[in-house]
Amino acid sequence: MKLPDKLIVDANPIISTLIGGAASRIFWDSGIEEFITSEWTLNEVKKYIPHLAKKTKVPESTIELNLNLLPLTFYTRSFYEDKITKATQLIGQRDPKDVELLALVLQLGLPLWTNDKDFEGLGIEYYPTAQLLNLMNHP
């Protein structure tokens, strides 16, 4: 199994990267061509910046800069609007906060990078961080 060329990214790997977690290796060292997320997901990450700054003792402005430096392409809701209903049917009961990202996955047909178990059993391809790191170490 090889690394995908493109990945849709959930909030948890982005947050992990911002606090210096192992996920940062995937962004910078994996050779993956494109990382994609939803504008909604980016806004969720931004809500956590004050908490992350307090926890890590890193200034909010530095965390915001690091977020802006990540190689992320983001799409607005209008791009995947026609998949919202299906995404709501699939995951809305488990976690309504995951609907937007799942709609983007359904629209683009690309695998998802997430550590969120709510995406299991939905018929989509997804990778937790540990699996991506393992694929990087054993191509």
Protein backbone atom coordinates (compact mmCIF):
# COMPACT_ATOMS: atom_id res chain seq x y z
CA MET A 1 0.00 0.00 0.00
CA LYS A 2 1.33 3.44 -0.88
CA LEU A 3 0.55 6.93 0.29
CA PRO A 4 -2.28 8.68 -1.57
CA ASP A 5 -1.41 11.62 -3.83
CA LYS A 6 -4.06 13.85 -2.26
CA LEU A 7 -5.76 13.84 1.12
CA ILE A 8 -8.67 15.63 2.70
CA VAL A 9 -7.66 16.64 6.23
CA ASP A 10 -9.77 16.68 9.38
CA ALA A 11 -9.21 19.18 12.20
CA ASN A 12 -7.36 16.78 14.52
CA PRO A 13 -4.23 16.31 12.33
CA ILE A 14 -4.09 20.08 11.76
CA ILE A 15 -4.27 20.75 15.51
CA SER A 16 -1.66 18.06 16.18
CA THR A 17 0.65 19.73 13.69
CA LEU A 18 0.14 23.15 15.30
CA ILE A 19 1.24 21.81 18.69
CA GLY A 20 4.28 20.02 17.28
CA GLY A 21 2.82 16.53 16.97
CA ALA A 22 3.95 13.76 14.65
CA ALA A 23 1.30 14.77 12.11
CA SER A 24 3.59 17.59 11.00
CA ARG A 25 5.88 15.01 9.35
CA ILE A 26 3.04 14.05 7.03
CA PHE A 27 2.48 17.65 5.95
CA TRP A 28 6.16 18.34 5.32
CA ASP A 29 7.91 15.03 4.58
CA SER A 30 5.41 12.63 2.99
CA GLY A 31 5.55 13.79 -0.62
CA ILE A 32 1.74 13.98 -0.73
CA GLU A 33 0.89 16.45 -3.49
CA GLU A 34 -2.12 18.19 -1.97
CA PHE A 35 -3.84 18.53 1.39
CA ILE A 36 -7.44 19.72 1.25
CA THR A 37 -9.95 20.74 3.89
CA SER A 38 -13.21 22.59 4.24
CA GLU A 39 -13.49 26.22 5.25
CA TRP A 40 -15.70 24.98 8.09
CA THR A 41 -12.87 22.74 9.37
CA LEU A 42 -10.39 25.62 9.21
CA ASN A 43 -12.77 27.77 11.23
CA GLU A 44 -13.08 24.98 13.83
CA VAL A 45 -9.28 24.85 14.14
CA LYS A 46 -9.13 28.64 14.51
CA LYS A 47 -11.57 28.43 17.45
CA TYR A 48 -9.01 26.25 19.29
CA ILE A 49 -6.08 28.63 18.81
CA PRO A 50 -6.56 30.48 22.13
CA HIS A 51 -6.71 27.14 23.98
CA LEU A 52 -3.65 25.84 22.10
CA ALA A 53 -1.73 29.03 22.88
CA LYS A 54 -2.51 28.69 26.57
CA LYS A 55 -1.65 24.99 26.63
CA THR A 56 1.62 25.32 24.70
CA LYS A 57 2.62 28.79 25.93
CA VAL A 58 3.11 29.79 22.29
CA PRO A 59 1.62 33.15 21.25
CA GLU A 60 -1.67 32.97 19.36
CA SER A 61 -0.11 34.96 16.52
CA THR A 62 2.60 32.31 16.09
CA ILE A 63 0.03 29.50 15.98
CA GLU A 64 -2.03 31.46 13.44
CA LEU A 65 1.08 31.98 11.31
CA ASN A 66 1.87 28.26 11.49
CA LEU A 67 -1.69 27.48 10.39
CA ASN A 68 -1.37 29.86 7.46
CA LEU A 69 1.92 28.22 6.45
CA LEU A 70 0.42 24.73 6.22
CA PRO A 71 0.06 23.55 2.62
CA LEU A 72 -3.74 23.42 2.76
CA THR A 73 -6.23 24.04 -0.02
CA PHE A 74 -9.68 24.76 1.34
CA TYR A 75 -13.12 24.70 -0.24
CA THR A 76 -16.18 26.66 0.79
CA ARG A 77 -19.55 25.02 1.44
CA SER A 78 -20.87 26.10 -1.97
CA PHE A 79 -18.42 23.67 -3.60
CA TYR A 80 -19.88 20.59 -1.85
CA GLU A 81 -23.38 21.87 -1.05
CA ASP A 82 -25.07 19.15 -3.10
CA LYS A 83 -23.46 16.45 -0.89
CA ILE A 84 -24.61 17.92 2.46
CA THR A 85 -27.86 15.92 2.55
CA LYS A 86 -26.11 12.60 1.92
CA ALA A 87 -23.36 13.44 4.43
CA THR A 88 -25.99 14.36 7.02
CA GLN A 89 -27.71 11.01 6.48
CA LEU A 90 -24.41 9.14 6.88
CA ILE A 91 -22.84 10.92 9.85
CA GLY A 92 -25.24 13.54 11.18
CA GLN A 93 -26.48 11.32 14.02
CA ARG A 94 -22.93 10.38 15.11
CA ASP A 95 -21.43 13.86 14.97
CA PRO A 96 -23.08 16.80 13.20
CA LYS A 97 -19.72 18.62 13.23
CA ASP A 98 -18.39 16.05 10.73
CA VAL A 99 -21.06 16.65 8.07
CA GLU A 100 -19.22 19.39 6.17
CA LEU A 101 -15.97 17.43 5.90
CA LEU A 102 -17.75 14.24 4.84
CA ALA A 103 -19.63 16.23 2.17
CA LEU A 104 -16.26 17.40 0.82
CA VAL A 105 -14.97 13.80 0.82
CA LEU A 106 -18.06 12.69 -1.11
CA GLN A 107 -17.71 15.57 -3.58
CA LEU A 108 -14.03 15.00 -4.37
CA GLY A 109 -13.88 11.23 -3.92
CA LEU A 110 -10.55 11.48 -2.13
CA PRO A 111 -9.39 9.71 1.04
CA LEU A 112 -9.66 11.40 4.42
CA TRP A 113 -6.90 11.86 6.98
CA THR A 114 -8.56 11.64 10.38
CA ASN A 115 -8.22 10.04 13.78
CA ASP A 116 -11.98 10.35 14.36
CA LYS A 117 -13.70 6.96 14.72
CA ASP A 118 -17.02 8.51 13.60
CA PHE A 119 -15.89 8.08 9.99
CA GLU A 120 -15.60 4.28 10.30
CA GLY A 121 -18.09 2.15 8.37
CA LEU A 122 -19.22 4.90 6.01
CA GLY A 123 -17.76 3.38 2.86
CA ILE A 124 -15.07 6.03 2.48
CA GLU A 125 -11.32 5.58 2.39
CA TYR A 126 -9.61 7.12 5.40
CA TYR A 127 -6.23 7.05 7.09
CA PRO A 128 -5.38 7.71 10.72
CA THR A 129 -2.09 9.54 11.37
CA ALA A 130 -0.33 6.36 12.58
CA GLN A 131 -1.12 4.54 9.33
CA LEU A 132 0.19 7.43 7.20
CA LEU A 133 3.40 7.57 9.25
CA ASN A 134 3.80 3.81 8.85
CA LEU A 135 3.36 4.11 5.07
CA MET A 136 6.00 6.86 5.04
CA ASN A 137 8.44 4.66 6.95
CA HIS A 138 7.72 1.50 4.91
CA PRO A 139 6.89 2.49 1.34
